[in-house]
Amino acid sequence: MRTIKAKSILQKAGGNSDFWFGIDYNINLYKGCPHGCIYCDSRSECYGIDHFDEVRIKENEIAILNKELQSKKKKGVVGIGAMSDTYNPFEKELEITRQALNLLQFYHFGVSIDTKSDLVVRDIDILKQMKNVIVKLTVTTADDELSKKIEPHVCVSSKRFKAMKALSDEGIFTGILFTPILPFITDQEDNIKAVVRLSHEHGAKFIYSMFGVTLRTNQRDYYYQQLDRLFPMLKEKYQESFGNRYMCEIQNYPHLKQVFINECQKYGLLYKMEDIIAAYKLENEHIQLTFDL
């Protein structure tokens, strides 16, 4: 595996922290991702990640992160996995993410994890010791066979649901990122209902969704190549329906969004960003108060 130089690991989150699960900082411990998801936004030209399918690690990143965390007067929640899944197959042996979590715990930072991998359950012992923890497992379809097609090199959806159940059973605030929903592929009402129901059955506290897929330079080309390979003639349907639009909304958007909301309400799942942020931070405050008593 190639290594690359890095001057900094910890970055301040841009804009309003409430936009993405209340994070204050971001870290990307790996560059590139091997999961092969056909829709991944991180392939977009604007992020500048060449050879995206090749995973690279950063020289001395744990030492750099330690120094940066030590110097921060303002504590907060650190987002992990937004650009490249931090629980890739190499992590099992390298344990870079595990080392980073230990540092976050030691310096009293919270963590917000995005992943598609069930390897996250390995780190339950550390996550249980931290405050302000939220783990989001991305699921785009309830159908494992479809998952294998559109997310070919990571565990199938059913294994992600099981991982979520394991996290939830240990008291970790966890839920589902139901995004993207792919027009003409995963935007069926039955799929939406199944993903929400399975989330509930496996201990989710929330499910957050965006009703479509974003496409831009580089990423669009890759996505269309995969559509040609996996779903013949669907590329032409996208081109006719969306042109060069950035946001490609699902079919029958108002109806399916309401179906999603109704199902979440039926099962008592949070689905609004502000409610999810308030709930996981309040839950951790409650835990802290209980310990103090």
Protein backbone atom coordinates (compact mmCIF):
# COMPACT_ATOMS: atom_id res chain seq x y z
CA MET A 1 0.00 0.00 0.00
CA ARG A 2 1.29 3.45 -0.94
CA THR A 3 1.77 6.14 1.66
CA ILE A 4 1.26 9.84 1.08
CA LYS A 5 2.48 12.86 3.01
CA ALA A 6 0.07 14.85 5.15
CA LYS A 7 0.65 18.08 7.06
CA SER A 8 -2.64 17.87 8.91
CA ILE A 9 -5.26 15.22 9.73
CA LEU A 10 -7.85 17.09 11.81
CA GLN A 11 -9.83 19.69 9.87
CA LYS A 12 -12.49 22.07 11.09
CA ALA A 13 -15.89 21.26 9.60
CA GLY A 14 -16.96 23.88 7.10
CA GLY A 15 -20.17 25.88 7.40
CA ASN A 16 -22.93 25.14 9.88
CA SER A 17 -22.12 22.08 11.98
CA ASP A 18 -25.82 21.22 12.15
CA PHE A 19 -25.79 20.52 8.42
CA TRP A 20 -24.20 17.09 8.88
CA PHE A 21 -24.95 15.45 12.22
CA GLY A 22 -23.55 18.22 14.37
CA ILE A 23 -19.87 17.60 13.65
CA ASP A 24 -17.21 20.16 14.56
CA TYR A 25 -14.19 18.52 12.88
CA ASN A 26 -13.43 16.02 10.10
CA ILE A 27 -10.72 13.43 9.68
CA ASN A 28 -10.08 11.20 6.68
CA LEU A 29 -7.65 8.49 7.74
CA TYR A 30 -7.43 6.82 4.34
CA LYS A 31 -7.40 8.29 0.85
CA GLY A 32 -9.43 6.32 -1.66
CA CYS A 33 -11.92 3.52 -1.13
CA PRO A 34 -12.14 -0.06 -2.49
CA HIS A 35 -15.88 -0.63 -1.99
CA GLY A 36 -16.67 0.05 -5.66
CA CYS A 37 -20.06 1.70 -5.05
CA ILE A 38 -21.27 2.78 -8.47
CA TYR A 39 -22.74 6.10 -7.28
CA CYS A 40 -20.04 7.42 -4.92
CA ASP A 41 -19.91 11.23 -4.84
CA SER A 42 -16.29 11.15 -3.66
CA ARG A 43 -15.24 10.32 -7.23
CA SER A 44 -16.24 13.86 -8.24
CA GLU A 45 -13.51 16.00 -9.76
CA CYS A 46 -13.98 18.74 -7.18
CA TYR A 47 -12.49 16.55 -4.43
CA GLY A 48 -9.28 15.86 -6.36
CA ILE A 49 -8.91 12.20 -5.36
CA ASP A 50 -7.05 10.55 -8.24
CA HIS A 51 -7.19 6.75 -8.57
CA PHE A 52 -10.10 6.65 -6.16
CA ASP A 53 -10.26 2.84 -5.98
CA GLU A 54 -6.68 2.68 -4.66
CA VAL A 55 -6.41 3.02 -0.88
CA ARG A 56 -3.49 5.01 0.47
CA ILE A 57 -2.46 5.81 4.04
CA LYS A 58 -0.91 9.00 5.37
CA GLU A 59 2.59 9.09 6.83
CA ASN A 60 2.71 9.48 10.63
CA GLU A 61 -0.99 10.28 10.71
CA ILE A 62 -1.62 9.00 14.23
CA ALA A 63 1.28 11.06 15.60
CA ILE A 64 0.01 14.12 13.70
CA LEU A 65 -3.55 13.56 14.94
CA ASN A 66 -2.33 13.17 18.53
CA LYS A 67 -0.54 16.50 18.35
CA GLU A 68 -3.54 18.25 16.79
CA LEU A 69 -6.05 16.89 19.30
CA GLN A 70 -3.76 17.80 22.19
CA SER A 71 -3.57 21.39 20.98
CA LYS A 72 -7.32 21.93 20.57
CA LYS A 73 -8.92 23.95 23.35
CA LYS A 74 -12.39 23.46 21.88
CA LYS A 75 -13.59 19.88 22.12
CA GLY A 76 -16.30 18.63 19.80
CA VAL A 77 -17.56 15.84 17.57
CA VAL A 78 -15.16 14.51 14.92
CA GLY A 79 -16.63 13.14 11.70
CA ILE A 80 -14.94 10.04 10.26
CA GLY A 81 -15.62 8.37 6.92
CA ALA A 82 -17.29 11.10 4.89
CA MET A 83 -14.92 10.91 1.90
CA SER A 84 -13.45 7.39 2.19
CA ASP A 85 -14.86 4.58 4.32
CA THR A 86 -12.54 4.27 7.30
CA TYR A 87 -13.48 0.58 7.76
CA ASN A 88 -12.00 -0.69 4.51
CA PRO A 89 -10.47 -4.22 4.35
CA PHE A 90 -6.99 -2.90 5.22
CA GLU A 91 -8.24 -1.48 8.52
CA LYS A 92 -8.70 -4.97 9.97
CA GLU A 93 -4.93 -5.40 10.10
CA LEU A 94 -3.66 -1.81 10.25
CA GLU A 95 -6.08 -0.60 12.98
CA ILE A 96 -5.51 3.05 12.07
CA THR A 97 -9.14 3.89 12.80
CA ARG A 98 -8.99 2.07 16.12
CA GLN A 99 -5.89 4.04 17.11
CA ALA A 100 -7.63 7.28 16.14
CA LEU A 101 -10.70 6.39 18.21
CA ASN A 102 -8.48 5.72 21.21
CA LEU A 103 -7.01 9.20 20.82
CA LEU A 104 -10.44 10.80 20.50
CA GLN A 105 -11.56 9.04 23.66
CA PHE A 106 -8.39 10.03 25.54
CA TYR A 107 -8.77 13.71 24.63
CA HIS A 108 -12.54 13.73 25.28
CA PHE A 109 -13.79 14.26 21.74
CA GLY A 110 -17.01 12.78 20.37
CA VAL A 111 -17.26 10.90 17.09
CA SER A 112 -19.64 10.64 14.16
CA ILE A 113 -18.89 7.61 11.96
CA ASP A 114 -20.16 6.94 8.42
CA THR A 115 -19.54 3.40 7.12
CA LYS A 116 -20.87 0.53 5.06
CA SER A 117 -18.71 -2.06 6.82
CA ASP A 118 -19.63 -4.40 9.66
CA LEU A 119 -16.01 -4.13 10.88
CA VAL A 120 -17.20 -1.16 12.95
CA VAL A 121 -18.47 -3.59 15.62
CA ARG A 122 -14.84 -4.41 16.46
CA ASP A 123 -14.53 -1.00 18.11
CA ILE A 124 -17.62 -1.20 20.32
CA ASP A 125 -15.39 -1.34 23.40
CA ILE A 126 -13.92 2.10 22.65
CA LEU A 127 -17.17 3.66 21.44
CA LYS A 128 -18.88 2.70 24.71
CA GLN A 129 -16.32 4.77 26.64
CA MET A 130 -16.89 7.94 24.58
CA LYS A 131 -19.52 10.66 24.89
CA ASN A 132 -21.35 12.18 21.91
CA VAL A 133 -21.15 9.10 19.70
CA ILE A 134 -23.26 8.46 16.62
CA VAL A 135 -22.69 5.62 14.14
CA LYS A 136 -24.40 5.68 10.73
CA LEU A 137 -24.44 2.62 8.51
CA THR A 138 -25.28 3.36 4.90
CA VAL A 139 -27.96 1.12 3.38
CA THR A 140 -29.44 1.84 -0.04
CA THR A 141 -31.47 -1.31 -0.63
CA ALA A 142 -33.09 -4.09 1.39
CA ASP A 143 -32.17 -6.56 -1.37
CA ASP A 144 -28.77 -8.21 -0.85
CA GLU A 145 -28.50 -9.24 -4.49
CA LEU A 146 -28.99 -5.66 -5.65
CA SER A 147 -26.56 -4.50 -2.99
CA LYS A 148 -23.92 -6.82 -4.46
CA LYS A 149 -24.39 -5.15 -7.86
CA ILE A 150 -24.26 -1.51 -6.82
CA GLU A 151 -21.86 -1.88 -3.83
CA PRO A 152 -19.80 -4.87 -4.96
CA HIS A 153 -16.82 -4.92 -2.61
CA VAL A 154 -18.35 -4.36 0.82
CA CYS A 155 -20.64 -6.46 2.99
CA VAL A 156 -24.27 -6.75 1.88
CA SER A 157 -27.12 -4.82 3.44
CA SER A 158 -28.25 -7.63 5.77
CA LYS A 159 -24.80 -7.70 7.40
CA ARG A 160 -24.93 -3.94 7.92
CA PHE A 161 -28.30 -4.28 9.65
CA LYS A 162 -26.80 -6.96 11.92
CA ALA A 163 -23.87 -4.69 12.72
CA MET A 164 -26.30 -1.93 13.64
CA LYS A 165 -28.16 -4.31 15.95
CA ALA A 166 -24.89 -5.22 17.69
CA LEU A 167 -24.05 -1.53 18.20
CA SER A 168 -27.55 -0.69 19.39
CA ASP A 169 -27.60 -3.59 21.83
CA GLU A 170 -24.48 -2.12 23.45
CA GLY A 171 -26.20 1.24 23.93
CA ILE A 172 -24.49 3.06 21.05
CA PHE A 173 -26.64 5.64 19.26
CA THR A 174 -26.88 4.23 15.76
CA GLY A 175 -29.03 4.36 12.68
CA ILE A 176 -29.16 4.27 8.90
CA LEU A 177 -28.04 6.61 6.14
CA PHE A 178 -30.59 5.75 3.47
CA THR A 179 -28.79 7.64 0.77
CA PRO A 180 -28.55 7.86 -2.13
CA ILE A 181 -31.89 6.57 -3.35
CA LEU A 182 -31.17 5.80 -7.00
CA PRO A 183 -33.83 6.80 -9.54
CA PHE A 184 -35.27 3.78 -11.39
CA ILE A 185 -33.12 1.38 -9.30
CA THR A 186 -33.89 1.66 -5.58
CA ASP A 187 -36.78 4.17 -5.52
CA GLN A 188 -39.60 1.65 -5.28
CA GLU A 189 -42.13 2.10 -2.49
CA ASP A 190 -41.57 -1.51 -1.34
CA ASN A 191 -37.84 -0.89 -0.94
CA ILE A 192 -38.39 2.28 1.07
CA LYS A 193 -40.82 0.50 3.40
CA ALA A 194 -38.49 -2.50 3.77
CA VAL A 195 -35.43 -0.40 4.64
CA VAL A 196 -37.38 1.55 7.29
CA ARG A 197 -38.90 -1.63 8.76
CA LEU A 198 -35.55 -3.45 8.89
CA SER A 199 -33.96 -0.40 10.49
CA HIS A 200 -36.54 -0.53 13.25
CA GLU A 201 -36.17 -4.29 13.71
CA HIS A 202 -32.40 -3.94 14.10
CA GLY A 203 -32.40 -1.26 16.76
CA ALA A 204 -32.05 1.96 14.76
CA LYS A 205 -32.74 5.22 16.53
CA PHE A 206 -32.96 7.13 13.25
CA ILE A 207 -32.94 6.88 9.48
CA TYR A 208 -31.80 9.82 7.37
CA SER A 209 -32.47 10.01 3.66
CA MET A 210 -31.89 12.13 0.57
CA PHE A 211 -34.35 11.41 -2.20
CA GLY A 212 -32.15 11.06 -5.24
CA VAL A 213 -28.52 10.93 -6.33
CA THR A 214 -26.06 13.74 -7.04
CA LEU A 215 -24.02 13.57 -10.24
CA ARG A 216 -21.14 15.79 -11.29
CA THR A 217 -17.91 15.76 -13.29
CA ASN A 218 -16.00 12.42 -13.20
CA GLN A 219 -18.59 10.80 -10.95
CA ARG A 220 -21.30 11.07 -13.61
CA ASP A 221 -19.05 9.42 -16.22
CA TYR A 222 -18.22 6.54 -13.89
CA TYR A 223 -21.85 6.08 -12.86
CA TYR A 224 -23.02 5.97 -16.47
CA GLN A 225 -20.34 3.41 -17.35
CA GLN A 226 -21.66 1.19 -14.56
CA LEU A 227 -25.27 1.69 -15.66
CA ASP A 228 -24.29 0.54 -19.17
CA ARG A 229 -22.71 -2.56 -17.67
CA LEU A 230 -25.36 -3.43 -15.08
CA PHE A 231 -28.62 -1.88 -16.29
CA PRO A 232 -28.61 -1.60 -20.11
CA MET A 233 -30.55 1.37 -21.53
CA LEU A 234 -30.89 3.03 -18.12
CA LYS A 235 -28.18 5.60 -18.87
CA GLU A 236 -30.29 6.94 -21.72
CA LYS A 237 -33.26 7.24 -19.35
CA TYR A 238 -31.13 9.28 -16.94
CA GLN A 239 -29.89 11.53 -19.73
CA GLU A 240 -33.43 12.12 -20.95
CA SER A 241 -34.82 12.71 -17.45
CA PHE A 242 -32.03 14.76 -15.86
CA GLY A 243 -29.65 16.06 -18.52
CA ASN A 244 -26.60 17.47 -16.72
CA ARG A 245 -28.49 18.23 -13.53
CA TYR A 246 -26.53 17.94 -10.25
CA MET A 247 -29.44 16.64 -8.19
CA CYS A 248 -31.36 13.79 -9.82
CA GLU A 249 -34.54 13.31 -7.79
CA ILE A 250 -36.38 10.03 -7.49
CA GLN A 251 -39.58 9.29 -9.39
CA ASN A 252 -42.78 10.48 -7.73
CA TYR A 253 -40.73 12.35 -5.13
CA PRO A 254 -43.54 13.97 -3.06
CA HIS A 255 -45.44 10.69 -2.66
CA LEU A 256 -42.39 8.57 -1.79
CA LYS A 257 -41.06 11.15 0.65
CA GLN A 258 -44.40 11.03 2.45
CA VAL A 259 -44.31 7.22 2.44
CA PHE A 260 -40.87 7.42 4.07
CA ILE A 261 -42.07 9.89 6.72
CA ASN A 262 -45.18 7.84 7.47
CA GLU A 263 -43.11 4.66 7.93
CA CYS A 264 -40.59 6.42 10.19
CA GLN A 265 -43.40 7.81 12.32
CA LYS A 266 -45.07 4.41 12.49
CA TYR A 267 -41.91 2.86 13.95
CA GLY A 268 -40.88 5.84 16.08
CA LEU A 269 -37.70 6.55 14.10
CA LEU A 270 -36.15 10.01 13.94
CA TYR A 271 -35.68 11.29 10.38
CA LYS A 272 -35.03 15.05 10.63
CA MET A 273 -31.40 16.15 10.95
CA GLU A 274 -32.03 18.57 13.82
CA ASP A 275 -33.91 15.92 15.80
CA ILE A 276 -31.18 13.32 15.29
CA ILE A 277 -28.47 15.74 16.45
CA ALA A 278 -30.46 16.79 19.51
CA ALA A 279 -31.24 13.19 20.43
CA TYR A 280 -27.73 11.76 20.34
CA LYS A 281 -26.19 14.71 22.15
CA LEU A 282 -28.97 14.77 24.73
CA GLU A 283 -28.66 11.00 25.24
CA ASN A 284 -24.97 11.34 25.97
CA GLU A 285 -25.61 14.25 28.33
CA HIS A 286 -28.13 12.07 30.17
CA ILE A 287 -25.58 9.27 30.46
CA GLN A 288 -23.00 11.72 31.83
CA LEU A 289 -25.48 13.07 34.38
CA THR A 290 -26.31 9.54 35.48
CA PHE A 291 -22.63 8.78 36.03
CA ASP A 292 -22.17 12.04 37.95
CA LEU A 293 -25.01 11.13 40.28
